[in-house]
Amino acid sequence: MSSQPNITLHTYFRSSCSARVRMALYWKGLAFTPVYIHLLKDDQFSEPYVALNPSKAVPTITFSPNENDTQSEPVTFVLTQSMAILEYLEEKFPAPEYPSLFPTNLEDRARVRQLSHIVACDIQPLTNLKMLKQVKKFAQEAGKDPETAGPEWQKRNLAEGLRAFEAVVSKTAGKYSVGDIVTMADFCLVPTIDGAVRFGVDMSEFETIGRVWRALEEVEAVQKGGWRTQGDTPEEFRC
């Protein structure tokens, strides 16, 4: 393989958006340096980080020149938004030199994007930390228990989104979400399942998702990129 640029990933262990990028980096065999942004301690609101990522979110990835890499841009390239990052990784580090995030068939590639966007556009925006904080705030203002309202909101929206994913993946899955190769859709799915389990979603409802999930648990990139194995994962959550 050609020499790669220096890659830095700003990440948080429990961020599903960070997880999908971590898994993709491991899948492609790309070395990276993690910088841990503790979302519960508001690291994302620090002035230096906001200058890097105006959305005040993770992940943020940077590519800086490697002296042996003639393909890199001469200046550091900063990119935010996990789906943009995944698409960039696929184009910057393409097959066959690097494992692909997509099948070769055009329609299958579209299905990968469809499933990925069910997660990224339908599920994640309703269940991220920003939304959870707002739900708790509104519940408290309405005289309801925020510690009950938050998890109920998460559980309901995760389950609803996974039902949409199941309806599609039941028609596209082989061993994995689309056929028998690991794709971007799988790296979007796994962290979503982690969140669903955390908030008590009954996963027995999702037959195809469950089967794909069990297969993905054996994939090294999923194991290395998962939330329980990161440098900032608290000891009590490590597996």
C-alpha atoms as a PDB file:
ATOM      1  CA  MET A   1       0.000   0.000   0.000  1.00  0.00           C
ATOM      2  CA  SER A   2       1.079   3.577  -0.618  1.00  0.00           C
ATOM      3  CA  SER A   3       2.098   5.706   2.343  1.00  0.00           C
ATOM      4  CA  GLN A   4      -0.911   7.242   4.055  1.00  0.00           C
ATOM      5  CA  PRO A   5      -1.269  10.744   5.508  1.00  0.00           C
ATOM      6  CA  ASN A   6      -1.192  11.294   9.247  1.00  0.00           C
ATOM      7  CA  ILE A   7      -4.760  10.844  10.460  1.00  0.00           C
ATOM      8  CA  THR A   8      -6.159  12.254  13.694  1.00  0.00           C
ATOM      9  CA  LEU A   9      -9.680  11.401  14.839  1.00  0.00           C
ATOM     10  CA  HIS A  10     -11.485  13.451  17.465  1.00  0.00           C
ATOM     11  CA  THR A  11     -13.804  10.930  19.038  1.00  0.00           C
ATOM     12  CA  TYR A  12     -15.884   9.955  22.064  1.00  0.00           C
ATOM     13  CA  PHE A  13     -16.226   6.336  23.105  1.00  0.00           C
ATOM     14  CA  ARG A  14     -20.034   6.296  23.200  1.00  0.00           C
ATOM     15  CA  SER A  15     -20.645   8.417  20.122  1.00  0.00           C
ATOM     16  CA  SER A  16     -22.305   6.303  17.437  1.00  0.00           C
ATOM     17  CA  CYS A  17     -21.078   8.700  14.748  1.00  0.00           C
ATOM     18  CA  SER A  18     -17.510   8.337  15.989  1.00  0.00           C
ATOM     19  CA  ALA A  19     -17.869   4.566  16.181  1.00  0.00           C
ATOM     20  CA  ARG A  20     -18.868   4.163  12.542  1.00  0.00           C
ATOM     21  CA  VAL A  21     -15.784   6.125  11.474  1.00  0.00           C
ATOM     22  CA  ARG A  22     -13.483   4.211  13.834  1.00  0.00           C
ATOM     23  CA  MET A  23     -14.736   0.921  12.409  1.00  0.00           C
ATOM     24  CA  ALA A  24     -14.227   2.112   8.846  1.00  0.00           C
ATOM     25  CA  LEU A  25     -10.664   3.212   9.602  1.00  0.00           C
ATOM     26  CA  TYR A  26      -9.851  -0.166  11.106  1.00  0.00           C
ATOM     27  CA  TRP A  27     -11.583  -1.921   8.203  1.00  0.00           C
ATOM     28  CA  LYS A  28      -9.389  -0.105   5.701  1.00  0.00           C
ATOM     29  CA  GLY A  29      -6.280  -0.700   7.783  1.00  0.00           C
ATOM     30  CA  LEU A  30      -5.638   3.007   8.299  1.00  0.00           C
ATOM     31  CA  ALA A  31      -3.601   4.000  11.330  1.00  0.00           C
ATOM     32  CA  PHE A  32      -4.927   6.994  13.237  1.00  0.00           C
ATOM     33  CA  THR A  33      -4.301   8.947  16.407  1.00  0.00           C
ATOM     34  CA  PRO A  34      -7.377   9.409  18.617  1.00  0.00           C
ATOM     35  CA  VAL A  35      -8.059  12.656  20.449  1.00  0.00           C
ATOM     36  CA  TYR A  36     -10.734  12.143  23.067  1.00  0.00           C
ATOM     37  CA  ILE A  37     -13.538  14.701  23.304  1.00  0.00           C
ATOM     38  CA  HIS A  38     -15.561  14.102  26.463  1.00  0.00           C
ATOM     39  CA  LEU A  39     -19.080  15.136  25.505  1.00  0.00           C
ATOM     40  CA  LEU A  40     -20.430  14.948  29.056  1.00  0.00           C
ATOM     41  CA  LYS A  41     -17.700  17.326  30.216  1.00  0.00           C
ATOM     42  CA  ASP A  42     -18.478  19.735  27.342  1.00  0.00           C
ATOM     43  CA  ASP A  43     -15.089  19.409  25.644  1.00  0.00           C
ATOM     44  CA  GLN A  44     -16.916  19.973  22.351  1.00  0.00           C
ATOM     45  CA  PHE A  45     -17.709  23.555  23.380  1.00  0.00           C
ATOM     46  CA  SER A  46     -14.107  24.609  23.960  1.00  0.00           C
ATOM     47  CA  GLU A  47     -12.935  27.456  21.748  1.00  0.00           C
ATOM     48  CA  PRO A  48     -10.156  25.475  20.023  1.00  0.00           C
ATOM     49  CA  TYR A  49     -12.501  22.602  19.220  1.00  0.00           C
ATOM     50  CA  VAL A  50     -15.310  24.823  17.942  1.00  0.00           C
ATOM     51  CA  ALA A  51     -12.772  26.402  15.591  1.00  0.00           C
ATOM     52  CA  LEU A  52     -12.136  22.899  14.268  1.00  0.00           C
ATOM     53  CA  ASN A  53     -15.769  21.751  14.259  1.00  0.00           C
ATOM     54  CA  PRO A  54     -18.398  24.529  14.315  1.00  0.00           C
ATOM     55  CA  SER A  55     -21.125  21.921  14.862  1.00  0.00           C
ATOM     56  CA  LYS A  56     -19.647  21.229  18.317  1.00  0.00           C
ATOM     57  CA  ALA A  57     -19.904  17.505  17.740  1.00  0.00           C
ATOM     58  CA  VAL A  58     -17.827  14.435  17.020  1.00  0.00           C
ATOM     59  CA  PRO A  59     -16.243  13.042  14.994  1.00  0.00           C
ATOM     60  CA  THR A  60     -13.744  15.399  13.435  1.00  0.00           C
ATOM     61  CA  ILE A  61     -10.980  13.932  11.320  1.00  0.00           C
ATOM     62  CA  THR A  62      -7.808  15.602  10.118  1.00  0.00           C
ATOM     63  CA  PHE A  63      -5.373  14.501   7.452  1.00  0.00           C
ATOM     64  CA  SER A  64      -1.917  16.054   7.554  1.00  0.00           C
ATOM     65  CA  PRO A  65       0.920  15.468   5.102  1.00  0.00           C
ATOM     66  CA  ASN A  66       3.225  12.534   5.538  1.00  0.00           C
ATOM     67  CA  GLU A  67       6.691  13.217   4.190  1.00  0.00           C
ATOM     68  CA  ASN A  68       6.578   9.897   2.343  1.00  0.00           C
ATOM     69  CA  ASP A  69       3.059  10.410   0.960  1.00  0.00           C
ATOM     70  CA  THR A  70       3.136  12.135  -2.412  1.00  0.00           C
ATOM     71  CA  GLN A  71      -0.652  11.819  -2.802  1.00  0.00           C
ATOM     72  CA  SER A  72      -1.579  13.950   0.219  1.00  0.00           C
ATOM     73  CA  GLU A  73      -2.618  17.559  -0.059  1.00  0.00           C
ATOM     74  CA  PRO A  74       0.180  19.947   0.993  1.00  0.00           C
ATOM     75  CA  VAL A  75      -1.928  21.323   3.866  1.00  0.00           C
ATOM     76  CA  THR A  76      -3.942  19.720   6.645  1.00  0.00           C
ATOM     77  CA  PHE A  77      -7.436  18.720   5.576  1.00  0.00           C
ATOM     78  CA  VAL A  78     -10.168  18.826   8.234  1.00  0.00           C
ATOM     79  CA  LEU A  79     -13.502  17.088   7.764  1.00  0.00           C
ATOM     80  CA  THR A  80     -16.564  16.745   9.984  1.00  0.00           C
ATOM     81  CA  GLN A  81     -19.849  14.814   9.670  1.00  0.00           C
ATOM     82  CA  SER A  82     -19.447  11.055   9.825  1.00  0.00           C
ATOM     83  CA  MET A  83     -21.165  10.246   6.533  1.00  0.00           C
ATOM     84  CA  ALA A  84     -19.010  12.730   4.635  1.00  0.00           C
ATOM     85  CA  ILE A  85     -15.966  11.209   6.319  1.00  0.00           C
ATOM     86  CA  LEU A  86     -16.965   7.675   5.324  1.00  0.00           C
ATOM     87  CA  GLU A  87     -17.520   8.668   1.703  1.00  0.00           C
ATOM     88  CA  TYR A  88     -14.186  10.510   1.670  1.00  0.00           C
ATOM     89  CA  LEU A  89     -12.356   7.497   3.091  1.00  0.00           C
ATOM     90  CA  GLU A  90     -13.820   5.336   0.341  1.00  0.00           C
ATOM     91  CA  GLU A  91     -12.655   7.718  -2.384  1.00  0.00           C
ATOM     92  CA  LYS A  92      -9.310   8.606  -0.834  1.00  0.00           C
ATOM     93  CA  PHE A  93      -8.393   4.999  -0.039  1.00  0.00           C
ATOM     94  CA  PRO A  94     -10.168   2.982  -2.744  1.00  0.00           C
ATOM     95  CA  ALA A  95     -10.305  -0.698  -3.583  1.00  0.00           C
ATOM     96  CA  PRO A  96      -8.511  -2.835  -4.514  1.00  0.00           C
ATOM     97  CA  GLU A  97      -5.613  -1.375  -2.540  1.00  0.00           C
ATOM     98  CA  TYR A  98      -7.861  -0.923   0.496  1.00  0.00           C
ATOM     99  CA  PRO A  99     -10.946  -2.903   1.555  1.00  0.00           C
ATOM    100  CA  SER A 100     -14.071  -1.215   0.229  1.00  0.00           C
ATOM    101  CA  LEU A 101     -17.054   0.110   2.172  1.00  0.00           C
ATOM    102  CA  PHE A 102     -19.336  -0.665  -0.770  1.00  0.00           C
ATOM    103  CA  PRO A 103     -20.268  -3.537  -3.089  1.00  0.00           C
ATOM    104  CA  THR A 104     -19.406  -3.274  -6.778  1.00  0.00           C
ATOM    105  CA  ASN A 105     -23.003  -3.439  -8.042  1.00  0.00           C
ATOM    106  CA  LEU A 106     -24.619  -0.008  -8.485  1.00  0.00           C
ATOM    107  CA  GLU A 107     -27.979  -0.984  -7.014  1.00  0.00           C
ATOM    108  CA  ASP A 108     -26.333  -2.646  -4.025  1.00  0.00           C
ATOM    109  CA  ARG A 109     -24.260   0.480  -3.431  1.00  0.00           C
ATOM    110  CA  ALA A 110     -27.476   2.490  -3.401  1.00  0.00           C
ATOM    111  CA  ARG A 111     -28.975   0.068  -0.863  1.00  0.00           C
ATOM    112  CA  VAL A 112     -25.930   0.526   1.361  1.00  0.00           C
ATOM    113  CA  ARG A 113     -26.509   4.271   1.303  1.00  0.00           C
ATOM    114  CA  GLN A 114     -30.237   3.820   1.901  1.00  0.00           C
ATOM    115  CA  LEU A 115     -29.640   1.751   5.027  1.00  0.00           C
ATOM    116  CA  SER A 116     -26.850   4.035   6.220  1.00  0.00           C
ATOM    117  CA  HIS A 117     -29.092   7.069   5.903  1.00  0.00           C
ATOM    118  CA  ILE A 118     -31.928   5.411   7.809  1.00  0.00           C
ATOM    119  CA  VAL A 119     -29.473   5.439  10.689  1.00  0.00           C
ATOM    120  CA  ALA A 120     -27.746   8.755  10.024  1.00  0.00           C
ATOM    121  CA  CYS A 121     -30.785  10.813   8.977  1.00  0.00           C
ATOM    122  CA  ASP A 122     -33.755   9.153  10.694  1.00  0.00           C
ATOM    123  CA  ILE A 123     -32.478   7.535  13.893  1.00  0.00           C
ATOM    124  CA  GLN A 124     -29.376   9.344  15.087  1.00  0.00           C
ATOM    125  CA  PRO A 125     -30.636  12.960  14.996  1.00  0.00           C
ATOM    126  CA  LEU A 126     -33.548  12.009  17.255  1.00  0.00           C
ATOM    127  CA  THR A 127     -31.444  10.022  19.706  1.00  0.00           C
ATOM    128  CA  ASN A 128     -28.160  11.903  20.054  1.00  0.00           C
ATOM    129  CA  LEU A 129     -26.942  13.620  23.208  1.00  0.00           C
ATOM    130  CA  LYS A 130     -28.138  17.070  22.112  1.00  0.00           C
ATOM    131  CA  MET A 131     -31.676  15.791  21.631  1.00  0.00           C
ATOM    132  CA  LEU A 132     -31.631  13.813  24.876  1.00  0.00           C
ATOM    133  CA  LYS A 133     -30.676  16.942  26.816  1.00  0.00           C
ATOM    134  CA  GLN A 134     -33.512  18.888  25.175  1.00  0.00           C
ATOM    135  CA  VAL A 135     -36.065  16.164  25.909  1.00  0.00           C
ATOM    136  CA  LYS A 136     -35.044  16.114  29.568  1.00  0.00           C
ATOM    137  CA  LYS A 137     -35.221  19.909  29.731  1.00  0.00           C
ATOM    138  CA  PHE A 138     -38.704  20.047  28.191  1.00  0.00           C
ATOM    139  CA  ALA A 139     -39.914  17.223  30.439  1.00  0.00           C
ATOM    140  CA  GLN A 140     -38.722  19.061  33.522  1.00  0.00           C
ATOM    141  CA  GLU A 141     -40.396  22.274  32.367  1.00  0.00           C
ATOM    142  CA  ALA A 142     -43.626  20.307  31.890  1.00  0.00           C
ATOM    143  CA  GLY A 143     -43.426  18.947  35.421  1.00  0.00           C
ATOM    144  CA  LYS A 144     -42.455  15.432  34.352  1.00  0.00           C
ATOM    145  CA  ASP A 145     -39.542  13.293  35.484  1.00  0.00           C
ATOM    146  CA  PRO A 146     -36.669  14.011  33.060  1.00  0.00           C
ATOM    147  CA  GLU A 147     -34.823  10.849  34.063  1.00  0.00           C
ATOM    148  CA  THR A 148     -37.802   8.806  32.883  1.00  0.00           C
ATOM    149  CA  ALA A 149     -38.744  10.896  29.855  1.00  0.00           C
ATOM    150  CA  GLY A 150     -35.256  10.777  28.338  1.00  0.00           C
ATOM    151  CA  PRO A 151     -34.835   6.993  28.203  1.00  0.00           C
ATOM    152  CA  GLU A 152     -38.439   6.528  27.058  1.00  0.00           C
ATOM    153  CA  TRP A 153     -37.817   8.929  24.170  1.00  0.00           C
ATOM    154  CA  GLN A 154     -34.627   7.104  23.211  1.00  0.00           C
ATOM    155  CA  LYS A 155     -36.222   3.677  23.371  1.00  0.00           C
ATOM    156  CA  ARG A 156     -39.241   4.676  21.285  1.00  0.00           C
ATOM    157  CA  ASN A 157     -37.256   6.376  18.521  1.00  0.00           C
ATOM    158  CA  LEU A 158     -34.554   3.727  18.343  1.00  0.00           C
ATOM    159  CA  ALA A 159     -37.184   1.004  18.010  1.00  0.00           C
ATOM    160  CA  GLU A 160     -39.095   2.907  15.339  1.00  0.00           C
ATOM    161  CA  GLY A 161     -35.960   3.529  13.310  1.00  0.00           C
ATOM    162  CA  LEU A 162     -34.820  -0.062  13.583  1.00  0.00           C
ATOM    163  CA  ARG A 163     -38.208  -1.204  12.290  1.00  0.00           C
ATOM    164  CA  ALA A 164     -37.567   0.780   9.118  1.00  0.00           C
ATOM    165  CA  PHE A 165     -34.064  -0.674   8.864  1.00  0.00           C
ATOM    166  CA  GLU A 166     -35.420  -4.199   9.381  1.00  0.00           C
ATOM    167  CA  ALA A 167     -38.009  -3.747   6.633  1.00  0.00           C
ATOM    168  CA  VAL A 168     -35.257  -2.942   4.134  1.00  0.00           C
ATOM    169  CA  VAL A 169     -32.475  -5.199   5.377  1.00  0.00           C
ATOM    170  CA  SER A 170     -34.757  -8.240   5.388  1.00  0.00           C
ATOM    171  CA  LYS A 171     -34.701  -7.930   1.582  1.00  0.00           C
ATOM    172  CA  THR A 172     -31.016  -7.025   1.108  1.00  0.00           C
ATOM    173  CA  ALA A 173     -29.119  -9.048   3.691  1.00  0.00           C
ATOM    174  CA  GLY A 174     -26.897 -12.005   3.141  1.00  0.00           C
ATOM    175  CA  LYS A 175     -24.415 -12.613   5.913  1.00  0.00           C
ATOM    176  CA  TYR A 176     -24.282  -8.839   6.421  1.00  0.00           C
ATOM    177  CA  SER A 177     -26.642  -5.938   5.730  1.00  0.00           C
ATOM    178  CA  VAL A 178     -26.206  -5.977   1.951  1.00  0.00           C
ATOM    179  CA  GLY A 179     -25.119  -9.350   0.674  1.00  0.00           C
ATOM    180  CA  ASP A 180     -22.121 -11.178   2.053  1.00  0.00           C
ATOM    181  CA  ILE A 181     -19.579  -8.366   2.358  1.00  0.00           C
ATOM    182  CA  VAL A 182     -19.132  -5.847   5.155  1.00  0.00           C
ATOM    183  CA  THR A 183     -20.207  -2.356   4.100  1.00  0.00           C
ATOM    184  CA  MET A 184     -20.748   1.148   5.407  1.00  0.00           C
ATOM    185  CA  ALA A 185     -24.298   0.152   6.340  1.00  0.00           C
ATOM    186  CA  ASP A 186     -22.946  -2.371   8.828  1.00  0.00           C
ATOM    187  CA  PHE A 187     -20.718   0.201  10.490  1.00  0.00           C
ATOM    188  CA  CYS A 188     -23.749   2.466  10.848  1.00  0.00           C
ATOM    189  CA  LEU A 189     -25.900  -0.342  12.221  1.00  0.00           C
ATOM    190  CA  VAL A 190     -23.680  -1.702  14.995  1.00  0.00           C
ATOM    191  CA  PRO A 191     -23.478   1.458  17.158  1.00  0.00           C
ATOM    192  CA  THR A 192     -27.230   1.917  16.744  1.00  0.00           C
ATOM    193  CA  ILE A 193     -27.831  -1.547  18.131  1.00  0.00           C
ATOM    194  CA  ASP A 194     -25.511  -0.752  21.032  1.00  0.00           C
ATOM    195  CA  GLY A 195     -27.693   2.258  21.824  1.00  0.00           C
ATOM    196  CA  ALA A 196     -30.889   0.265  21.448  1.00  0.00           C
ATOM    197  CA  VAL A 197     -29.673  -2.377  23.884  1.00  0.00           C
ATOM    198  CA  ARG A 198     -28.585   0.323  26.311  1.00  0.00           C
ATOM    199  CA  PHE A 199     -32.083   1.838  26.360  1.00  0.00           C
ATOM    200  CA  GLY A 200     -33.937  -1.445  26.621  1.00  0.00           C
ATOM    201  CA  VAL A 201     -35.249  -1.993  23.094  1.00  0.00           C
ATOM    202  CA  ASP A 202     -36.502  -5.562  22.662  1.00  0.00           C
ATOM    203  CA  MET A 203     -34.145  -6.792  19.949  1.00  0.00           C
ATOM    204  CA  SER A 204     -36.044 -10.062  19.480  1.00  0.00           C
ATOM    205  CA  GLU A 205     -38.398  -8.085  17.235  1.00  0.00           C
ATOM    206  CA  PHE A 206     -35.658  -7.665  14.621  1.00  0.00           C
ATOM    207  CA  GLU A 207     -34.849 -11.078  13.174  1.00  0.00           C
ATOM    208  CA  THR A 208     -32.626 -10.021  10.271  1.00  0.00           C
ATOM    209  CA  ILE A 209     -30.871  -7.275  12.207  1.00  0.00           C
ATOM    210  CA  GLY A 210     -30.138  -9.757  14.977  1.00  0.00           C
ATOM    211  CA  ARG A 211     -28.629 -12.265  12.568  1.00  0.00           C
ATOM    212  CA  VAL A 212     -26.470  -9.618  10.882  1.00  0.00           C
ATOM    213  CA  TRP A 213     -25.449  -8.224  14.260  1.00  0.00           C
ATOM    214  CA  ARG A 214     -24.209 -11.612  15.449  1.00  0.00           C
ATOM    215  CA  ALA A 215     -22.104 -11.970  12.306  1.00  0.00           C
ATOM    216  CA  LEU A 216     -20.668  -8.478  12.694  1.00  0.00           C
ATOM    217  CA  GLU A 217     -19.603  -9.155  16.269  1.00  0.00           C
ATOM    218  CA  GLU A 218     -16.957 -11.476  14.800  1.00  0.00           C
ATOM    219  CA  VAL A 219     -15.479  -8.772  12.527  1.00  0.00           C
ATOM    220  CA  GLU A 220     -12.185  -7.418  13.867  1.00  0.00           C
ATOM    221  CA  ALA A 221     -12.853  -3.823  12.769  1.00  0.00           C
ATOM    222  CA  VAL A 222     -16.140  -3.861  14.677  1.00  0.00           C
ATOM    223  CA  GLN A 223     -14.473  -5.243  17.781  1.00  0.00           C
ATOM    224  CA  LYS A 224     -11.646  -2.690  17.668  1.00  0.00           C
ATOM    225  CA  GLY A 225     -13.924   0.253  16.879  1.00  0.00           C
ATOM    226  CA  GLY A 226     -16.662  -0.573  19.380  1.00  0.00           C
ATOM    227  CA  TRP A 227     -17.485   1.593  22.370  1.00  0.00           C
ATOM    228  CA  ARG A 228     -16.209  -0.836  24.991  1.00  0.00           C
ATOM    229  CA  THR A 229     -12.615  -0.950  23.720  1.00  0.00           C
ATOM    230  CA  GLN A 230     -11.610   2.700  23.339  1.00  0.00           C
ATOM    231  CA  GLY A 231      -8.893   4.557  25.178  1.00  0.00           C
ATOM    232  CA  ASP A 232     -11.505   6.801  26.805  1.00  0.00           C
ATOM    233  CA  THR A 233     -13.904   3.983  27.721  1.00  0.00           C
ATOM    234  CA  PRO A 234     -14.355   4.016  31.515  1.00  0.00           C
ATOM    235  CA  GLU A 235     -13.039   0.895  33.192  1.00  0.00           C
ATOM    236  CA  GLU A 236     -16.491  -0.240  34.322  1.00  0.00           C
ATOM    237  CA  PHE A 237     -17.677  -0.442  30.706  1.00  0.00           C
ATOM    238  CA  ARG A 238     -14.722  -2.319  29.276  1.00  0.00           C
ATOM    239  CA  CYS A 239     -15.195  -5.867  28.088  1.00  0.00           C
END
